[in-house]
Amino acid sequence: MKAIKSICIAAVLLVAGCGRPELDKATALDLLKAENSYPRMVDYDIYRADPAHAKRVLDAGLEEKGMLTVQRTQKMGDMGKPLIHFTDAAKPYLLPTPEKDQQLDVQKVKLAEEVLEGIASVTTADDGKTATVEYTTRYTNFTPFNVLRTAPKDEKTHTVRFSLTDEGWKIERKR
C-alpha cells in the first residue's frame, strides 16, 4: 500500500514536471535585465574637429555652462585639429572612447541612463513555445550634454519576442 502511494506521488510529480513552463513577468524581467544590461548608458559622439558639431555645442549652450570651449578660428595649418576642448567640469560625463574613434577626434559623452521600469504584459502563443512581452523603460540621470539629443523624457514601450528552448526561455534576436 505504501509502495502504491509512492508510485502514484512519483507519477503525479513526473507528469506535472513535464508541462511546458509559462513565461511569467518575473522571469521576463530577469531575462531582459541580463540580456539588455539595464540600466544602460545613453551616449553621444561629439566630433571635436567638425565645424558643424562645434556650432551645435555652441547653439546648445554647453560653452556657457562651462562644459567645453570652442575654438572659433583656425589657421590653415591647424585644419583637421580639434575645435572642441572639454573642461574639467565635463570630465564626469566623458566616457571611454575606442582607440579608432580617438584617432578621429571623437569623444563619447553620457546623455542619460535608460532604466527598465517593468513588464506591461506577457502573451504566450497557443503553441506555448513563443511569447510576446511588452515592457517599459524611462530615461533618468540626465547630464548637461543631454541637450545635444532629444532623448524621450517619459516612458517608452518596447515589444520583444521570447522562444522556449531546451535551456528555457530566450529572447529572440532581430535578424
N, C-alpha and C. Protein backbone atom coordinates (compact mmCIF):
# COMPACT_ATOMS: atom_id res chain seq x y z
N MET A 1 0.82 -1.19 0.00
CA MET A 1 0.00 0.00 0.00
C MET A 1 0.87 1.26 0.00
N LYS A 2 1.94 1.23 0.82
CA LYS A 2 2.85 2.35 0.89
C LYS A 2 3.58 2.52 -0.44
N ALA A 3 3.91 1.40 -1.08
CA ALA A 3 4.61 1.44 -2.37
C ALA A 3 3.71 2.04 -3.44
N ILE A 4 2.42 1.72 -3.42
CA ILE A 4 1.49 2.25 -4.41
C ILE A 4 1.36 3.76 -4.26
N LYS A 5 1.30 4.25 -3.00
CA LYS A 5 1.22 5.69 -2.76
C LYS A 5 2.47 6.38 -3.30
N SER A 6 3.62 5.79 -3.04
CA SER A 6 4.89 6.36 -3.50
C SER A 6 4.94 6.42 -5.02
N ILE A 7 4.47 5.35 -5.67
CA ILE A 7 4.46 5.31 -7.14
C ILE A 7 3.50 6.36 -7.68
N CYS A 8 2.33 6.50 -7.07
CA CYS A 8 1.34 7.50 -7.51
C CYS A 8 1.89 8.92 -7.35
N ILE A 9 2.53 9.19 -6.23
CA ILE A 9 3.09 10.52 -5.99
C ILE A 9 4.18 10.81 -7.02
N ALA A 10 5.04 9.82 -7.27
CA ALA A 10 6.11 9.99 -8.25
C ALA A 10 5.53 10.23 -9.64
N ALA A 11 4.46 9.51 -9.99
CA ALA A 11 3.83 9.68 -11.30
C ALA A 11 3.22 11.07 -11.44
N VAL A 12 2.56 11.55 -10.40
CA VAL A 12 1.96 12.89 -10.43
C VAL A 12 3.05 13.95 -10.59
N LEU A 13 4.13 13.82 -9.84
CA LEU A 13 5.23 14.77 -9.95
C LEU A 13 5.87 14.73 -11.33
N LEU A 14 6.01 13.55 -11.90
CA LEU A 14 6.59 13.39 -13.22
C LEU A 14 5.72 14.06 -14.28
N VAL A 15 4.42 13.83 -14.22
CA VAL A 15 3.50 14.42 -15.19
C VAL A 15 3.45 15.94 -15.01
N ALA A 16 3.43 16.41 -13.78
CA ALA A 16 3.39 17.85 -13.52
C ALA A 16 4.68 18.51 -13.98
N GLY A 17 5.79 17.83 -13.85
CA GLY A 17 7.08 18.37 -14.26
C GLY A 17 7.27 18.39 -15.76
N CYS A 18 6.48 17.63 -16.51
CA CYS A 18 6.63 17.56 -17.96
C CYS A 18 5.89 18.68 -18.67
N GLY A 19 5.06 19.43 -17.98
CA GLY A 19 4.31 20.52 -18.61
C GLY A 19 5.25 21.62 -19.07
N ARG A 20 4.80 22.37 -20.07
CA ARG A 20 5.62 23.47 -20.57
C ARG A 20 5.61 24.61 -19.55
N PRO A 21 6.77 25.15 -19.26
CA PRO A 21 6.79 26.27 -18.32
C PRO A 21 6.25 27.54 -18.98
N GLU A 22 5.39 28.24 -18.27
CA GLU A 22 4.86 29.51 -18.74
C GLU A 22 5.90 30.60 -18.48
N LEU A 23 5.96 31.57 -19.36
CA LEU A 23 6.82 32.72 -19.14
C LEU A 23 6.05 33.72 -18.28
N ASP A 24 6.54 33.94 -17.06
CA ASP A 24 5.88 34.90 -16.18
C ASP A 24 6.62 36.24 -16.21
N LYS A 25 6.02 37.24 -15.61
CA LYS A 25 6.59 38.59 -15.64
C LYS A 25 7.95 38.66 -14.95
N ALA A 26 8.10 37.94 -13.85
CA ALA A 26 9.36 37.98 -13.10
C ALA A 26 10.50 37.38 -13.93
N THR A 27 10.24 36.25 -14.60
CA THR A 27 11.26 35.62 -15.43
C THR A 27 11.60 36.52 -16.60
N ALA A 28 10.59 37.10 -17.25
CA ALA A 28 10.83 38.00 -18.38
C ALA A 28 11.65 39.21 -17.95
N LEU A 29 11.34 39.75 -16.79
CA LEU A 29 12.08 40.90 -16.26
C LEU A 29 13.54 40.55 -16.02
N ASP A 30 13.80 39.41 -15.40
CA ASP A 30 15.17 38.97 -15.14
C ASP A 30 15.94 38.77 -16.44
N LEU A 31 15.31 38.13 -17.44
CA LEU A 31 15.98 37.89 -18.72
C LEU A 31 16.26 39.20 -19.45
N LEU A 32 15.34 40.14 -19.41
CA LEU A 32 15.56 41.43 -20.06
C LEU A 32 16.69 42.20 -19.41
N LYS A 33 16.74 42.20 -18.08
CA LYS A 33 17.82 42.89 -17.37
C LYS A 33 19.17 42.30 -17.72
N ALA A 34 19.24 40.97 -17.77
CA ALA A 34 20.51 40.30 -18.06
C ALA A 34 20.93 40.51 -19.51
N GLU A 35 20.00 40.35 -20.43
CA GLU A 35 20.31 40.42 -21.85
C GLU A 35 20.61 41.84 -22.32
N ASN A 36 19.88 42.81 -21.83
CA ASN A 36 20.00 44.18 -22.31
C ASN A 36 20.78 45.10 -21.38
N SER A 37 21.33 44.56 -20.32
CA SER A 37 22.18 45.31 -19.39
C SER A 37 21.53 46.59 -18.87
N TYR A 38 20.34 46.47 -18.33
CA TYR A 38 19.67 47.63 -17.71
C TYR A 38 20.17 47.80 -16.29
N PRO A 39 20.34 49.00 -15.79
CA PRO A 39 20.21 50.26 -16.53
C PRO A 39 21.38 50.41 -17.49
N ARG A 40 21.10 51.05 -18.63
CA ARG A 40 22.17 51.21 -19.61
C ARG A 40 22.39 52.69 -19.93
N MET A 41 23.61 52.95 -20.33
CA MET A 41 24.05 54.30 -20.61
C MET A 41 23.57 54.73 -21.99
N VAL A 42 23.06 55.96 -22.08
CA VAL A 42 22.73 56.56 -23.36
C VAL A 42 23.87 57.53 -23.66
N ASP A 43 24.58 57.29 -24.77
CA ASP A 43 25.74 58.13 -25.07
C ASP A 43 25.57 58.85 -26.40
N TYR A 44 26.53 59.72 -26.67
CA TYR A 44 26.50 60.54 -27.89
C TYR A 44 27.94 60.78 -28.31
N ASP A 45 28.20 60.75 -29.61
CA ASP A 45 29.54 61.00 -30.14
C ASP A 45 29.67 62.47 -30.52
N ILE A 46 30.67 63.14 -29.96
CA ILE A 46 30.98 64.52 -30.35
C ILE A 46 32.23 64.47 -31.22
N TYR A 47 32.09 64.98 -32.43
CA TYR A 47 33.21 65.05 -33.38
C TYR A 47 33.92 66.37 -33.14
N ARG A 48 35.02 66.31 -32.42
CA ARG A 48 35.70 67.51 -31.93
C ARG A 48 36.29 68.37 -33.03
N ALA A 49 36.63 67.80 -34.19
CA ALA A 49 37.24 68.56 -35.28
C ALA A 49 36.22 69.02 -36.33
N ASP A 50 34.96 68.74 -36.11
CA ASP A 50 33.91 69.06 -37.09
C ASP A 50 33.30 70.43 -36.78
N PRO A 51 33.38 71.37 -37.73
CA PRO A 51 32.78 72.69 -37.51
C PRO A 51 31.27 72.63 -37.25
N ALA A 52 30.58 71.68 -37.86
CA ALA A 52 29.13 71.55 -37.63
C ALA A 52 28.85 71.16 -36.18
N HIS A 53 29.67 70.26 -35.62
CA HIS A 53 29.50 69.88 -34.21
C HIS A 53 29.87 71.04 -33.29
N ALA A 54 30.89 71.81 -33.69
CA ALA A 54 31.27 72.98 -32.89
C ALA A 54 30.10 73.96 -32.82
N LYS A 55 29.45 74.20 -33.95
CA LYS A 55 28.28 75.09 -33.96
C LYS A 55 27.16 74.52 -33.11
N ARG A 56 26.97 73.22 -33.20
CA ARG A 56 25.88 72.58 -32.45
C ARG A 56 26.08 72.72 -30.93
N VAL A 57 27.31 72.48 -30.44
CA VAL A 57 27.54 72.59 -29.00
C VAL A 57 27.45 74.05 -28.54
N LEU A 58 27.83 74.99 -29.43
CA LEU A 58 27.66 76.41 -29.10
C LEU A 58 26.18 76.76 -28.99
N ASP A 59 25.40 76.33 -30.00
CA ASP A 59 23.96 76.60 -30.00
C ASP A 59 23.26 75.97 -28.80
N ALA A 60 23.79 74.83 -28.33
CA ALA A 60 23.20 74.13 -27.18
C ALA A 60 23.56 74.79 -25.85
N GLY A 61 24.48 75.76 -25.88
CA GLY A 61 24.84 76.47 -24.66
C GLY A 61 25.82 75.74 -23.77
N LEU A 62 26.52 74.76 -24.30
CA LEU A 62 27.45 73.99 -23.47
C LEU A 62 28.70 74.79 -23.10
N GLU A 63 29.07 75.75 -23.94
CA GLU A 63 30.23 76.59 -23.59
C GLU A 63 29.86 77.52 -22.43
N GLU A 64 28.66 78.09 -22.46
CA GLU A 64 28.21 78.96 -21.37
C GLU A 64 28.09 78.19 -20.06
N LYS A 65 27.74 76.91 -20.14
CA LYS A 65 27.62 76.08 -18.94
C LYS A 65 28.98 75.64 -18.40
N GLY A 66 30.05 75.95 -19.13
CA GLY A 66 31.39 75.62 -18.68
C GLY A 66 31.81 74.18 -18.95
N MET A 67 31.10 73.49 -19.83
CA MET A 67 31.43 72.09 -20.13
C MET A 67 32.58 71.97 -21.13
N LEU A 68 32.72 72.97 -21.99
CA LEU A 68 33.74 72.89 -23.04
C LEU A 68 34.04 74.29 -23.55
N THR A 69 35.10 74.36 -24.34
CA THR A 69 35.41 75.60 -25.06
C THR A 69 35.48 75.26 -26.54
N VAL A 70 35.12 76.25 -27.36
CA VAL A 70 35.14 76.06 -28.81
C VAL A 70 36.09 77.08 -29.41
N GLN A 71 37.04 76.59 -30.17
CA GLN A 71 37.97 77.45 -30.88
C GLN A 71 37.23 78.00 -32.10
N ARG A 72 37.08 79.31 -32.14
CA ARG A 72 36.23 79.91 -33.18
C ARG A 72 36.95 80.14 -34.50
N THR A 73 38.25 80.27 -34.47
CA THR A 73 39.01 80.45 -35.71
C THR A 73 40.10 79.39 -35.77
N GLN A 74 40.53 79.12 -37.00
CA GLN A 74 41.55 78.10 -37.19
C GLN A 74 42.44 78.51 -38.36
N LYS A 75 43.75 78.34 -38.19
CA LYS A 75 44.69 78.64 -39.27
C LYS A 75 44.73 77.47 -40.24
N MET A 76 45.21 77.72 -41.43
CA MET A 76 45.28 76.67 -42.45
C MET A 76 46.08 75.46 -41.97
N GLY A 77 47.14 75.68 -41.23
CA GLY A 77 47.97 74.59 -40.74
C GLY A 77 47.29 73.76 -39.66
N ASP A 78 46.24 74.33 -39.05
CA ASP A 78 45.52 73.63 -37.98
C ASP A 78 44.28 72.90 -38.47
N MET A 79 44.03 72.92 -39.77
CA MET A 79 42.84 72.26 -40.31
C MET A 79 42.84 70.79 -39.91
N GLY A 80 41.69 70.31 -39.45
CA GLY A 80 41.56 68.91 -39.04
C GLY A 80 41.87 68.67 -37.58
N LYS A 81 42.39 69.68 -36.89
CA LYS A 81 42.66 69.55 -35.46
C LYS A 81 41.40 69.91 -34.69
N PRO A 82 41.29 69.43 -33.45
CA PRO A 82 40.05 69.66 -32.68
C PRO A 82 39.72 71.13 -32.49
N LEU A 83 38.44 71.43 -32.66
CA LEU A 83 37.90 72.76 -32.37
C LEU A 83 37.26 72.79 -30.99
N ILE A 84 36.84 71.61 -30.51
CA ILE A 84 36.14 71.48 -29.24
C ILE A 84 37.09 70.90 -28.20
N HIS A 85 37.19 71.59 -27.06
CA HIS A 85 38.05 71.14 -25.96
C HIS A 85 37.20 71.07 -24.70
N PHE A 86 37.25 69.94 -24.02
CA PHE A 86 36.43 69.73 -22.82
C PHE A 86 37.12 70.30 -21.59
N THR A 87 36.33 70.84 -20.67
CA THR A 87 36.85 71.40 -19.43
C THR A 87 36.79 70.34 -18.33
N ASP A 88 37.33 70.68 -17.17
CA ASP A 88 37.28 69.76 -16.03
C ASP A 88 35.85 69.48 -15.59
N ALA A 89 34.95 70.43 -15.80
CA ALA A 89 33.54 70.23 -15.42
C ALA A 89 32.89 69.12 -16.24
N ALA A 90 33.41 68.84 -17.42
CA ALA A 90 32.84 67.81 -18.29
C ALA A 90 33.36 66.42 -17.98
N LYS A 91 34.44 66.31 -17.24
CA LYS A 91 35.09 65.01 -17.01
C LYS A 91 34.16 63.92 -16.48
N PRO A 92 33.23 64.21 -15.55
CA PRO A 92 32.35 63.13 -15.07
C PRO A 92 31.45 62.54 -16.16
N TYR A 93 31.28 63.26 -17.26
CA TYR A 93 30.37 62.82 -18.32
C TYR A 93 31.09 62.26 -19.54
N LEU A 94 32.42 62.28 -19.54
CA LEU A 94 33.19 61.74 -20.65
C LEU A 94 33.30 60.24 -20.48
N LEU A 95 33.00 59.51 -21.54
CA LEU A 95 33.02 58.05 -21.49
C LEU A 95 34.23 57.52 -22.23
N PRO A 96 34.65 56.30 -21.89
CA PRO A 96 35.76 55.70 -22.64
C PRO A 96 35.40 55.63 -24.13
N THR A 97 36.35 56.03 -24.94
CA THR A 97 36.15 56.08 -26.39
C THR A 97 37.11 55.11 -27.05
N PRO A 98 36.64 54.29 -27.99
CA PRO A 98 37.54 53.36 -28.68
C PRO A 98 38.71 54.08 -29.34
N GLU A 99 39.83 53.39 -29.43
CA GLU A 99 41.05 53.97 -29.98
C GLU A 99 40.85 54.53 -31.39
N LYS A 100 40.13 53.79 -32.23
CA LYS A 100 39.94 54.27 -33.61
C LYS A 100 39.13 55.56 -33.64
N ASP A 101 38.18 55.73 -32.70
CA ASP A 101 37.42 56.97 -32.63
C ASP A 101 38.29 58.11 -32.10
N GLN A 102 39.17 57.82 -31.15
CA GLN A 102 40.06 58.85 -30.61
C GLN A 102 40.96 59.40 -31.71
N GLN A 103 41.40 58.53 -32.61
CA GLN A 103 42.26 58.97 -33.72
C GLN A 103 41.52 59.93 -34.64
N LEU A 104 40.20 59.83 -34.67
CA LEU A 104 39.37 60.71 -35.50
C LEU A 104 38.82 61.89 -34.68
N ASP A 105 39.36 62.09 -33.49
CA ASP A 105 38.94 63.16 -32.57
C ASP A 105 37.46 63.09 -32.22
N VAL A 106 37.00 61.88 -31.93
CA VAL A 106 35.63 61.66 -31.49
C VAL A 106 35.67 61.39 -29.98
N GLN A 107 34.75 62.01 -29.25
CA GLN A 107 34.64 61.77 -27.81
C GLN A 107 33.21 61.37 -27.49
N LYS A 108 33.06 60.24 -26.78
CA LYS A 108 31.74 59.81 -26.33
C LYS A 108 31.41 60.52 -25.02
N VAL A 109 30.17 61.02 -24.93
CA VAL A 109 29.71 61.66 -23.70
C VAL A 109 28.41 61.00 -23.25
N LYS A 110 28.20 61.02 -21.95
CA LYS A 110 26.97 60.45 -21.37
C LYS A 110 25.85 61.47 -21.47
N LEU A 111 24.68 61.01 -21.94
CA LEU A 111 23.50 61.86 -22.00
C LEU A 111 22.55 61.58 -20.85
N ALA A 112 22.32 60.28 -20.59
CA ALA A 112 21.35 59.86 -19.57
C ALA A 112 21.51 58.37 -19.33
N GLU A 113 20.63 57.82 -18.50
CA GLU A 113 20.56 56.37 -18.29
C GLU A 113 19.15 55.92 -18.63
N GLU A 114 19.06 54.76 -19.27
CA GLU A 114 17.76 54.16 -19.56
C GLU A 114 17.56 53.03 -18.57
N VAL A 115 16.48 53.11 -17.79
CA VAL A 115 16.20 52.09 -16.77
C VAL A 115 14.94 51.32 -17.14
N LEU A 116 14.93 50.07 -16.77
CA LEU A 116 13.80 49.19 -17.03
C LEU A 116 12.76 49.42 -15.94
N GLU A 117 11.58 49.89 -16.35
CA GLU A 117 10.50 50.19 -15.40
C GLU A 117 9.74 48.94 -14.99
N GLY A 118 9.36 48.13 -15.97
CA GLY A 118 8.60 46.94 -15.64
C GLY A 118 7.98 46.30 -16.86
N ILE A 119 7.36 45.15 -16.62
CA ILE A 119 6.70 44.38 -17.67
C ILE A 119 5.24 44.80 -17.72
N ALA A 120 4.77 45.20 -18.89
CA ALA A 120 3.37 45.59 -19.05
C ALA A 120 2.50 44.37 -19.29
N SER A 121 2.96 43.46 -20.17
CA SER A 121 2.16 42.27 -20.46
C SER A 121 3.02 41.15 -21.01
N VAL A 122 2.57 39.93 -20.78
CA VAL A 122 3.18 38.72 -21.34
C VAL A 122 2.07 37.94 -22.02
N THR A 123 2.21 37.72 -23.33
CA THR A 123 1.21 36.98 -24.09
C THR A 123 1.88 35.75 -24.69
N THR A 124 1.47 34.58 -24.22
CA THR A 124 2.04 33.33 -24.72
C THR A 124 1.21 32.85 -25.91
N ALA A 125 1.91 32.40 -26.96
CA ALA A 125 1.23 31.88 -28.15
C ALA A 125 0.53 30.57 -27.82
N ASP A 126 -0.40 30.17 -28.70
CA ASP A 126 -1.17 28.94 -28.47
C ASP A 126 -0.29 27.71 -28.37
N ASP A 127 0.82 27.69 -29.11
CA ASP A 127 1.70 26.52 -29.07
C ASP A 127 2.52 26.45 -27.78
N GLY A 128 2.56 27.54 -27.02
CA GLY A 128 3.29 27.57 -25.75
C GLY A 128 4.79 27.68 -25.91
N LYS A 129 5.27 27.83 -27.15
CA LYS A 129 6.72 27.87 -27.40
C LYS A 129 7.24 29.28 -27.65
N THR A 130 6.36 30.23 -27.85
CA THR A 130 6.77 31.62 -28.03
C THR A 130 5.89 32.52 -27.18
N ALA A 131 6.44 33.67 -26.85
CA ALA A 131 5.69 34.65 -26.06
C ALA A 131 6.10 36.05 -26.50
N THR A 132 5.17 36.97 -26.44
CA THR A 132 5.44 38.37 -26.74
C THR A 132 5.34 39.14 -25.43
N VAL A 133 6.37 39.94 -25.17
CA VAL A 133 6.44 40.70 -23.92
C VAL A 133 6.50 42.18 -24.24
N GLU A 134 5.66 42.96 -23.61
CA GLU A 134 5.72 44.41 -23.69
C GLU A 134 6.28 44.92 -22.37
N TYR A 135 7.30 45.79 -22.47
CA TYR A 135 7.88 46.34 -21.26
C TYR A 135 8.16 47.82 -21.46
N THR A 136 8.33 48.54 -20.36
CA THR A 136 8.56 49.98 -20.43
C THR A 136 9.91 50.33 -19.83
N THR A 137 10.51 51.36 -20.42
CA THR A 137 11.75 51.94 -19.90
C THR A 137 11.54 53.44 -19.77
N ARG A 138 12.40 54.06 -19.00
CA ARG A 138 12.37 55.53 -18.92
C ARG A 138 13.80 56.02 -18.76
N TYR A 139 13.99 57.29 -19.08
CA TYR A 139 15.30 57.91 -19.01
C TYR A 139 15.44 58.68 -17.71
N THR A 140 16.61 58.54 -17.08
CA THR A 140 16.88 59.23 -15.81
C THR A 140 18.31 59.76 -15.83
N ASN A 141 18.68 60.45 -14.78
CA ASN A 141 20.04 60.96 -14.59
C ASN A 141 20.56 61.71 -15.82
N PHE A 142 19.80 62.70 -16.26
CA PHE A 142 20.20 63.49 -17.42
C PHE A 142 21.45 64.30 -17.10
N THR A 143 22.34 64.41 -18.07
CA THR A 143 23.56 65.20 -17.92
C THR A 143 23.39 66.51 -18.69
N PRO A 144 24.29 67.47 -18.49
CA PRO A 144 24.21 68.71 -19.27
C PRO A 144 24.31 68.47 -20.79
N PHE A 145 24.93 67.37 -21.19
CA PHE A 145 25.08 67.06 -22.62
C PHE A 145 23.79 66.54 -23.25
N ASN A 146 22.78 66.28 -22.45
CA ASN A 146 21.51 65.77 -22.98
C ASN A 146 20.86 66.74 -23.96
N VAL A 147 21.24 68.01 -23.92
CA VAL A 147 20.67 68.99 -24.85
C VAL A 147 21.08 68.71 -26.30
N LEU A 148 22.10 67.88 -26.50
CA LEU A 148 22.54 67.57 -27.86
C LEU A 148 21.61 66.61 -28.58
N ARG A 149 20.85 65.86 -27.82
CA ARG A 149 19.91 64.90 -28.41
C ARG A 149 18.62 64.95 -27.62
N THR A 150 17.53 64.91 -28.32
CA THR A 150 16.25 64.95 -27.63
C THR A 150 15.85 63.54 -27.22
N ALA A 151 16.38 63.09 -26.10
CA ALA A 151 16.01 61.79 -25.55
C ALA A 151 14.62 61.91 -24.94
N PRO A 152 13.77 60.92 -25.13
CA PRO A 152 12.44 60.99 -24.53
C PRO A 152 12.54 61.16 -23.01
N LYS A 153 11.70 62.00 -22.48
CA LYS A 153 11.75 62.26 -21.04
C LYS A 153 10.72 61.44 -20.28
N ASP A 154 9.90 60.72 -20.99
CA ASP A 154 8.90 59.90 -20.31
C ASP A 154 9.13 58.43 -20.64
N GLU A 155 8.16 57.62 -20.34
CA GLU A 155 8.30 56.18 -20.56
C GLU A 155 8.25 55.83 -22.04
N LYS A 156 8.92 54.75 -22.37
CA LYS A 156 8.95 54.24 -23.74
C LYS A 156 8.56 52.77 -23.68
N THR A 157 7.68 52.33 -24.58
CA THR A 157 7.23 50.95 -24.59
C THR A 157 7.98 50.17 -25.66
N HIS A 158 8.45 48.98 -25.30
CA HIS A 158 9.17 48.09 -26.21
C HIS A 158 8.42 46.77 -26.30
N THR A 159 8.56 46.09 -27.43
CA THR A 159 7.99 44.76 -27.60
C THR A 159 9.11 43.82 -28.01
N VAL A 160 9.16 42.65 -27.37
CA VAL A 160 10.19 41.66 -27.67
C VAL A 160 9.56 40.28 -27.64
N ARG A 161 10.12 39.38 -28.46
CA ARG A 161 9.61 38.01 -28.51
C ARG A 161 10.58 37.07 -27.79
N PHE A 162 10.01 36.11 -27.10
CA PHE A 162 10.77 35.07 -26.42
C PHE A 162 10.43 33.73 -27.05
N SER A 163 11.42 32.82 -27.05
CA SER A 163 11.21 31.45 -27.53
C SER A 163 11.59 30.49 -26.43
N LEU A 164 10.84 29.40 -26.33
CA LEU A 164 11.14 28.35 -25.36
C LEU A 164 12.09 27.36 -26.02
N THR A 165 13.29 27.22 -25.45
CA THR A 165 14.29 26.27 -25.95
C THR A 165 14.50 25.19 -24.90
N ASP A 166 15.38 24.26 -25.20
CA ASP A 166 15.70 23.20 -24.23
C ASP A 166 16.30 23.78 -22.95
N GLU A 167 16.98 24.94 -23.07
CA GLU A 167 17.60 25.58 -21.91
C GLU A 167 16.64 26.50 -21.16
N GLY A 168 15.46 26.72 -21.71
CA GLY A 168 14.48 27.62 -21.08
C GLY A 168 14.11 28.74 -22.04
N TRP A 169 13.55 29.81 -21.50
CA TRP A 169 13.11 30.94 -22.32
C TRP A 169 14.30 31.79 -22.72
N LYS A 170 14.33 32.19 -24.00
CA LYS A 170 15.40 33.03 -24.56
C LYS A 170 14.78 34.15 -25.37
N ILE A 171 15.44 35.30 -25.38
CA ILE A 171 14.98 36.43 -26.19
C ILE A 171 15.38 36.16 -27.63
N GLU A 172 14.42 36.35 -28.56
CA GLU A 172 14.72 36.19 -29.99
C GLU A 172 15.44 37.44 -30.46
N ARG A 173 16.52 37.24 -31.16
CA ARG A 173 17.29 38.35 -31.72
C ARG A 173 16.71 38.74 -33.07
N LYS A 174 16.67 40.04 -33.34
CA LYS A 174 16.21 40.52 -34.65
C LYS A 174 17.29 40.21 -35.67
N ARG A 175 16.83 39.78 -36.83
CA ARG A 175 17.81 39.42 -37.88
C ARG A 175 17.97 40.51 -38.87
